[in-house]
C-alpha atoms as a PDB file:
ATOM      1  CA  UNK A   1     -10.806  54.449 -82.870  1.00  0.00           C
ATOM      2  CA  UNK A   2     -12.694  54.438 -86.141  1.00  0.00           C
ATOM      3  CA  UNK A   3     -11.002  54.878 -89.511  1.00  0.00           C
ATOM      4  CA  UNK A   4     -14.083  56.699 -90.726  1.00  0.00           C
ATOM      5  CA  UNK A   5     -15.682  59.988 -89.809  1.00  0.00           C
ATOM      6  CA  UNK A   6     -19.313  60.341 -88.834  1.00  0.00           C
ATOM      7  CA  UNK A   7     -20.538  60.181 -92.423  1.00  0.00           C
ATOM      8  CA  UNK A   8     -18.245  57.243 -93.243  1.00  0.00           C
ATOM      9  CA  UNK A   9     -18.457  54.948 -96.228  1.00  0.00           C
ATOM     10  CA  UNK A  10     -21.246  52.450 -96.923  1.00  0.00           C
ATOM     11  CA  UNK A  11     -21.501  49.141 -95.070  1.00  0.00           C
ATOM     12  CA  UNK A  12     -18.273  47.127 -95.410  1.00  0.00           C
ATOM     13  CA  UNK A  13     -19.775  43.647 -95.134  1.00  0.00           C
ATOM     14  CA  UNK A  14     -19.236  41.451 -98.167  1.00  0.00           C
ATOM     15  CA  UNK A  15     -16.518  43.643 -99.641  1.00  0.00           C
ATOM     16  CA  UNK A  16     -12.733  43.359 -99.733  1.00  0.00           C
ATOM     17  CA  UNK A  17     -10.875  46.451 -98.641  1.00  0.00           C
ATOM     18  CA  UNK A  18      -7.405  47.404 -99.851  1.00  0.00           C
ATOM     19  CA  UNK A  19      -5.175  49.954 -98.165  1.00  0.00           C
ATOM     20  CA  UNK A  20      -3.092  52.117-100.505  1.00  0.00           C
ATOM     21  CA  UNK A  21       0.041  53.679 -99.037  1.00  0.00           C
ATOM     22  CA  UNK A  22       2.492  56.304-100.267  1.00  0.00           C
ATOM     23  CA  UNK A  23       0.148  58.305-102.521  1.00  0.00           C
ATOM     24  CA  UNK A  24       0.626  62.056-102.828  1.00  0.00           C
ATOM     25  CA  UNK A  25      -1.730  64.273-100.865  1.00  0.00           C
ATOM     26  CA  UNK A  26      -3.090  65.628-104.164  1.00  0.00           C
ATOM     27  CA  UNK A  27      -4.077  62.178-105.517  1.00  0.00           C
ATOM     28  CA  UNK A  28      -7.881  61.888-105.594  1.00  0.00           C
ATOM     29  CA  UNK A  29     -10.384  59.042-105.749  1.00  0.00           C
ATOM     30  CA  UNK A  30     -10.974  60.060-109.385  1.00  0.00           C
ATOM     31  CA  UNK A  31      -7.260  59.501-110.081  1.00  0.00           C
ATOM     32  CA  UNK A  32      -7.297  56.079-108.411  1.00  0.00           C
ATOM     33  CA  UNK A  33     -10.589  54.728-109.745  1.00  0.00           C
ATOM     34  CA  UNK A  34      -9.433  53.975-113.332  1.00  0.00           C
ATOM     35  CA  UNK A  35      -6.308  52.187-112.036  1.00  0.00           C
ATOM     36  CA  UNK A  36      -8.252  49.856-109.741  1.00  0.00           C
ATOM     37  CA  UNK A  37     -11.400  49.502-111.841  1.00  0.00           C
ATOM     38  CA  UNK A  38      -9.364  47.654-114.492  1.00  0.00           C
ATOM     39  CA  UNK A  39      -9.167  44.682-112.146  1.00  0.00           C
ATOM     40  CA  UNK A  40     -12.779  44.397-111.031  1.00  0.00           C
ATOM     41  CA  UNK A  41     -15.865  45.944-109.465  1.00  0.00           C
ATOM     42  CA  UNK A  42     -14.769  48.825-107.234  1.00  0.00           C
ATOM     43  CA  UNK A  43     -17.452  49.470-104.602  1.00  0.00           C
ATOM     44  CA  UNK A  44     -15.939  52.740-103.436  1.00  0.00           C
ATOM     45  CA  UNK A  45     -12.746  54.612-102.664  1.00  0.00           C
ATOM     46  CA  UNK A  46     -12.479  56.348 -99.311  1.00  0.00           C
ATOM     47  CA  UNK A  47      -9.677  58.811 -98.537  1.00  0.00           C
ATOM     48  CA  UNK A  48      -9.535  59.704 -94.827  1.00  0.00           C
ATOM     49  CA  UNK A  49      -9.199  63.429 -94.231  1.00  0.00           C
ATOM     50  CA  UNK A  50      -7.634  65.480 -91.487  1.00  0.00           C
ATOM     51  CA  UNK A  51     -10.586  66.623 -89.376  1.00  0.00           C
ATOM     52  CA  UNK A  52      -9.135  70.052 -88.740  1.00  0.00           C
ATOM     53  CA  UNK A  53      -7.890  70.962 -92.228  1.00  0.00           C
ATOM     54  CA  UNK A  54      -9.922  68.661 -94.491  1.00  0.00           C
ATOM     55  CA  UNK A  55      -6.704  67.630 -96.282  1.00  0.00           C
ATOM     56  CA  UNK A  56      -6.080  64.067 -97.458  1.00  0.00           C
ATOM     57  CA  UNK A  57      -4.259  61.918 -94.928  1.00  0.00           C
ATOM     58  CA  UNK A  58      -2.574  60.078 -97.803  1.00  0.00           C
ATOM     59  CA  UNK A  59      -3.844  56.515 -97.372  1.00  0.00           C
ATOM     60  CA  UNK A  60      -6.997  55.654 -99.311  1.00  0.00           C
ATOM     61  CA  UNK A  61      -9.045  52.505 -98.941  1.00  0.00           C
ATOM     62  CA  UNK A  62     -10.313  50.890-102.149  1.00  0.00           C
ATOM     63  CA  UNK A  63     -13.127  48.372-101.736  1.00  0.00           C
ATOM     64  CA  UNK A  64     -13.828  45.579-104.184  1.00  0.00           C
ATOM     65  CA  UNK A  65     -16.942  43.447-104.385  1.00  0.00           C
ATOM     66  CA  UNK A  66     -15.003  40.226-105.035  1.00  0.00           C
ATOM     67  CA  UNK A  67     -11.927  38.841-103.306  1.00  0.00           C
ATOM     68  CA  UNK A  68     -10.263  37.473-106.458  1.00  0.00           C
ATOM     69  CA  UNK A  69     -10.513  40.903-108.101  1.00  0.00           C
ATOM     70  CA  UNK A  70      -9.081  42.609-105.010  1.00  0.00           C
ATOM     71  CA  UNK A  71      -6.204  40.074-105.018  1.00  0.00           C
ATOM     72  CA  UNK A  72      -5.522  40.776-108.694  1.00  0.00           C
ATOM     73  CA  UNK A  73      -5.398  44.538-107.983  1.00  0.00           C
ATOM     74  CA  UNK A  74      -2.867  43.946-105.182  1.00  0.00           C
ATOM     75  CA  UNK A  75      -0.727  41.780-107.483  1.00  0.00           C
ATOM     76  CA  UNK A  76      -0.794  44.269-110.359  1.00  0.00           C
ATOM     77  CA  UNK A  77      -0.692  47.611-108.534  1.00  0.00           C
ATOM     78  CA  UNK A  78       1.590  47.045-105.529  1.00  0.00           C
ATOM     79  CA  UNK A  79       4.836  48.818-106.452  1.00  0.00           C
ATOM     80  CA  UNK A  80       3.282  50.737-109.373  1.00  0.00           C
ATOM     81  CA  UNK A  81       4.354  54.367-109.779  1.00  0.00           C
ATOM     82  CA  UNK A  82       1.391  56.757-109.422  1.00  0.00           C
ATOM     83  CA  UNK A  83       1.892  60.516-109.604  1.00  0.00           C
ATOM     84  CA  UNK A  84       5.659  60.066-109.223  1.00  0.00           C
ATOM     85  CA  UNK A  85       5.513  57.750-106.207  1.00  0.00           C
ATOM     86  CA  UNK A  86       5.752  53.990-105.851  1.00  0.00           C
ATOM     87  CA  UNK A  87       2.522  52.987-104.140  1.00  0.00           C
ATOM     88  CA  UNK A  88       2.010  50.040-101.811  1.00  0.00           C
ATOM     89  CA  UNK A  89      -1.274  48.136-102.057  1.00  0.00           C
ATOM     90  CA  UNK A  90      -2.286  45.554 -99.459  1.00  0.00           C
ATOM     91  CA  UNK A  91      -5.391  44.090 -97.885  1.00  0.00           C
ATOM     92  CA  UNK A  92      -6.583  46.362 -95.070  1.00  0.00           C
ATOM     93  CA  UNK A  93      -6.173  44.788 -91.651  1.00  0.00           C
ATOM     94  CA  UNK A  94      -9.475  45.867 -90.125  1.00  0.00           C
ATOM     95  CA  UNK A  95     -13.108  44.954 -90.518  1.00  0.00           C
ATOM     96  CA  UNK A  96     -14.898  41.639 -91.064  1.00  0.00           C
ATOM     97  CA  UNK A  97     -12.985  40.734 -94.240  1.00  0.00           C
ATOM     98  CA  UNK A  98      -9.501  41.690 -93.041  1.00  0.00           C
ATOM     99  CA  UNK A  99      -6.712  39.304 -93.887  1.00  0.00           C
ATOM    100  CA  UNK A 100      -5.886  37.089 -90.951  1.00  0.00           C
ATOM    101  CA  UNK A 101      -2.304  37.790 -89.914  1.00  0.00           C
END
């Protein structure tokens, strides 16, 4: 099962993907970009949507170009309160650059 719809995000090779949990359904990529961009080069932010309703599914993926920048974002943003909720930020566990568990 793919995380991405037919249109999907750009190629994920050579990027480091972070999974963000516990955001509100109204939080947008535009809300998240300035938070993550502080720590490095954000390639893109993808928020999966419910196919039927088009609503956010509440767990965006933020992709960084460089691993050290992605690590810094995890360190600084995991546990941060965004839009009234404490978010969790971790390396995504899929794709070619997933953290080995």
